[in-house]
Amino acid sequence: MMPDADIHHVKIKFDLEQDEDGYPPYAAENVWAIERPGGYELDNIPWYAKGVSCGDLVEASPDEDGRLSFDRVLRRSGNSTLRVWLSAAEVGECSKVRAVIEQAGATSELNGARFLSVDVPAASLSAVWAYLEAGETRGTWEFEVGHLAKTPP
């Protein structure tokens, strides 16, 4: 996502915990945010950071290098963050998957040809969850939860 020139955007660093297989593939992720009174509103969908979603108001403080580093969530947006990895056979289907997700009321960002990060408003969670579960059951993709604002159906 490219920040709007009229809004003051900053990047907030989220330290990531890698598993024994080296996932996620980075030690940190930078997420765009908008300065707001009392905190920073996340302004893009996190790829790897867990426990946060687009629209959340967070607290961040400068690290030893002067970069803003995530401290805690101050206010939840009510959105959930899901991540989808399409199987190799489904690479060409990515635009169709994104269209279905968007038709259900969610938004997504594409990383490469097969990796989607999905921002899901609470009102859309049931429909998006059912769609993603059905695709995972068929072996079309795998998905994981970055943050759930409410329990899925």
Protein backbone atom coordinates (compact mmCIF):
# COMPACT_ATOMS: atom_id res chain seq x y z
CA MET A 1 0.00 0.00 0.00
CA MET A 2 1.28 3.43 -0.85
CA PRO A 3 0.63 6.06 1.80
CA ASP A 4 -1.54 9.09 1.00
CA ALA A 5 0.62 12.22 0.64
CA ASP A 6 -1.85 14.29 2.72
CA ILE A 7 -1.67 11.97 5.72
CA HIS A 8 1.47 11.58 7.80
CA HIS A 9 2.42 7.91 7.66
CA VAL A 10 5.10 6.22 9.71
CA LYS A 11 6.39 2.67 9.76
CA ILE A 12 6.12 0.63 12.92
CA LYS A 13 8.43 -2.34 13.40
CA PHE A 14 6.94 -5.57 14.74
CA ASP A 15 9.47 -8.12 15.98
CA LEU A 16 8.56 -11.60 14.76
CA GLU A 17 9.20 -14.92 16.44
CA GLN A 18 10.43 -17.51 13.96
CA ASP A 19 9.62 -21.20 14.40
CA GLU A 20 12.09 -24.08 14.00
CA ASP A 21 11.52 -24.03 10.22
CA GLY A 22 12.40 -20.33 9.95
CA TYR A 23 8.82 -19.10 9.50
CA PRO A 24 8.09 -16.31 9.14
CA PRO A 25 10.99 -15.65 6.80
CA TYR A 26 11.90 -12.37 8.53
CA ALA A 27 12.86 -11.32 12.05
CA ALA A 28 10.73 -8.17 11.83
CA GLU A 29 7.93 -6.62 9.78
CA ASN A 30 7.27 -2.94 9.17
CA VAL A 31 3.62 -1.91 9.03
CA TRP A 32 2.40 1.49 7.81
CA ALA A 33 0.51 3.54 10.38
CA ILE A 34 -1.08 6.98 10.65
CA GLU A 35 -0.21 9.20 13.59
CA ARG A 36 -3.32 9.76 15.69
CA PRO A 37 -3.86 11.46 19.04
CA GLY A 38 -2.65 8.98 21.63
CA GLY A 39 -1.18 6.41 19.24
CA TYR A 40 -0.80 5.09 15.72
CA GLU A 41 -3.54 3.57 13.56
CA LEU A 42 -2.32 0.63 11.48
CA ASP A 43 -2.93 1.43 7.83
CA ASN A 44 -2.10 -1.75 5.97
CA ILE A 45 -2.71 -5.45 6.45
CA PRO A 46 0.08 -7.14 8.42
CA TRP A 47 1.78 -9.99 6.57
CA TYR A 48 3.35 -11.79 9.51
CA ALA A 49 2.74 -9.84 12.73
CA LYS A 50 0.32 -11.64 15.00
CA GLY A 51 -2.31 -10.15 17.27
CA VAL A 52 -2.97 -6.99 15.24
CA SER A 53 -5.17 -5.92 12.34
CA CYS A 54 -5.54 -2.98 10.01
CA GLY A 55 -7.26 -0.11 11.82
CA ASP A 56 -6.02 -1.06 15.29
CA LEU A 57 -4.69 1.84 17.36
CA VAL A 58 -1.30 0.89 18.78
CA GLU A 59 1.38 2.35 20.98
CA ALA A 60 4.95 2.41 19.66
CA SER A 61 8.19 3.86 20.95
CA PRO A 62 11.55 4.56 19.34
CA ASP A 63 14.03 1.68 19.49
CA GLU A 64 17.81 2.05 19.82
CA ASP A 65 18.01 2.96 16.11
CA GLY A 66 15.28 5.61 16.42
CA ARG A 67 12.70 3.51 14.54
CA LEU A 68 9.24 3.12 15.98
CA SER A 69 8.76 -0.29 17.52
CA PHE A 70 5.40 -1.83 18.50
CA ASP A 71 4.60 -1.83 22.23
CA ARG A 72 0.93 -2.76 22.59
CA VAL A 73 -2.58 -2.45 21.18
CA LEU A 74 -4.54 0.45 22.62
CA ARG A 75 -7.85 -0.02 20.75
CA ARG A 76 -9.03 -2.79 18.45
CA SER A 77 -10.58 -1.97 15.09
CA GLY A 78 -12.84 -5.02 15.22
CA ASN A 79 -11.13 -6.45 12.13
CA SER A 80 -9.48 -9.85 11.83
CA THR A 81 -6.32 -10.71 9.88
CA LEU A 82 -6.11 -13.96 7.91
CA ARG A 83 -3.35 -15.22 5.61
CA VAL A 84 -3.85 -17.48 2.60
CA TRP A 85 -1.28 -19.54 0.64
CA LEU A 86 -2.64 -20.81 -2.66
CA SER A 87 -1.39 -24.17 -3.89
CA ALA A 88 0.84 -24.21 -6.97
CA ALA A 89 -2.10 -25.37 -9.10
CA GLU A 90 -4.10 -22.33 -8.03
CA VAL A 91 -1.58 -19.58 -8.77
CA GLY A 92 -3.64 -18.33 -11.72
CA GLU A 93 -6.76 -18.31 -9.57
CA CYS A 94 -5.53 -15.64 -7.19
CA SER A 95 -7.59 -12.85 -8.74
CA LYS A 96 -10.73 -14.99 -8.47
CA VAL A 97 -10.03 -15.72 -4.80
CA ARG A 98 -9.48 -12.02 -4.13
CA ALA A 99 -12.73 -11.15 -5.91
CA VAL A 100 -14.73 -13.59 -3.76
CA ILE A 101 -13.11 -12.28 -0.59
CA GLU A 102 -13.80 -8.68 -1.59
CA GLN A 103 -17.38 -9.50 -2.57
CA ALA A 104 -17.84 -10.82 0.98
CA GLY A 105 -16.71 -7.44 2.34
CA ALA A 106 -13.03 -8.05 3.11
CA THR A 107 -9.91 -6.59 1.51
CA SER A 108 -6.65 -8.29 0.62
CA GLU A 109 -3.10 -7.56 -0.38
CA LEU A 110 -1.07 -9.84 -2.63
CA ASN A 111 2.55 -10.76 -1.91
CA GLY A 112 4.03 -12.63 -4.85
CA ALA A 113 1.75 -14.84 -6.89
CA ARG A 114 0.31 -17.00 -4.12
CA PHE A 115 0.29 -15.27 -0.73
CA LEU A 116 -2.64 -13.12 0.42
CA SER A 117 -3.04 -11.16 3.60
CA VAL A 118 -6.73 -10.53 4.28
CA ASP A 119 -8.37 -7.83 6.42
CA VAL A 120 -11.83 -8.98 7.48
CA PRO A 121 -14.41 -6.70 9.15
CA ALA A 122 -16.45 -8.42 11.86
CA ALA A 123 -19.59 -8.43 9.69
CA SER A 124 -17.76 -10.39 6.96
CA LEU A 125 -15.96 -12.95 9.12
CA SER A 126 -18.53 -15.75 8.82
CA ALA A 127 -18.66 -15.65 5.02
CA VAL A 128 -14.89 -15.28 4.52
CA TRP A 129 -14.13 -17.98 7.11
CA ALA A 130 -16.53 -20.46 5.46
CA TYR A 131 -15.01 -19.75 2.02
CA LEU A 132 -11.44 -20.19 3.27
CA GLU A 133 -12.27 -23.36 5.22
CA ALA A 134 -13.92 -24.89 2.13
CA GLY A 135 -10.86 -24.13 -0.01
CA GLU A 136 -8.52 -25.54 2.61
CA THR A 137 -10.61 -28.73 2.84
CA ARG A 138 -10.33 -29.14 -0.95
CA GLY A 139 -6.56 -28.60 -0.76
CA THR A 140 -6.78 -25.44 -2.86
CA TRP A 141 -5.01 -23.35 -0.21
CA GLU A 142 -3.94 -23.19 3.39
CA PHE A 143 -4.80 -20.34 5.69
CA GLU A 144 -3.80 -19.13 9.13
CA VAL A 145 -5.01 -16.60 11.64
CA GLY A 146 -2.95 -13.50 12.32
CA HIS A 147 -5.60 -12.04 14.62
CA LEU A 148 -9.25 -12.91 15.29
CA ALA A 149 -11.51 -10.14 16.55
CA LYS A 150 -14.28 -12.63 17.29
CA THR A 151 -14.73 -16.37 17.27
CA PRO A 152 -15.50 -17.70 13.79
CA PRO A 153 -18.67 -19.77 13.24
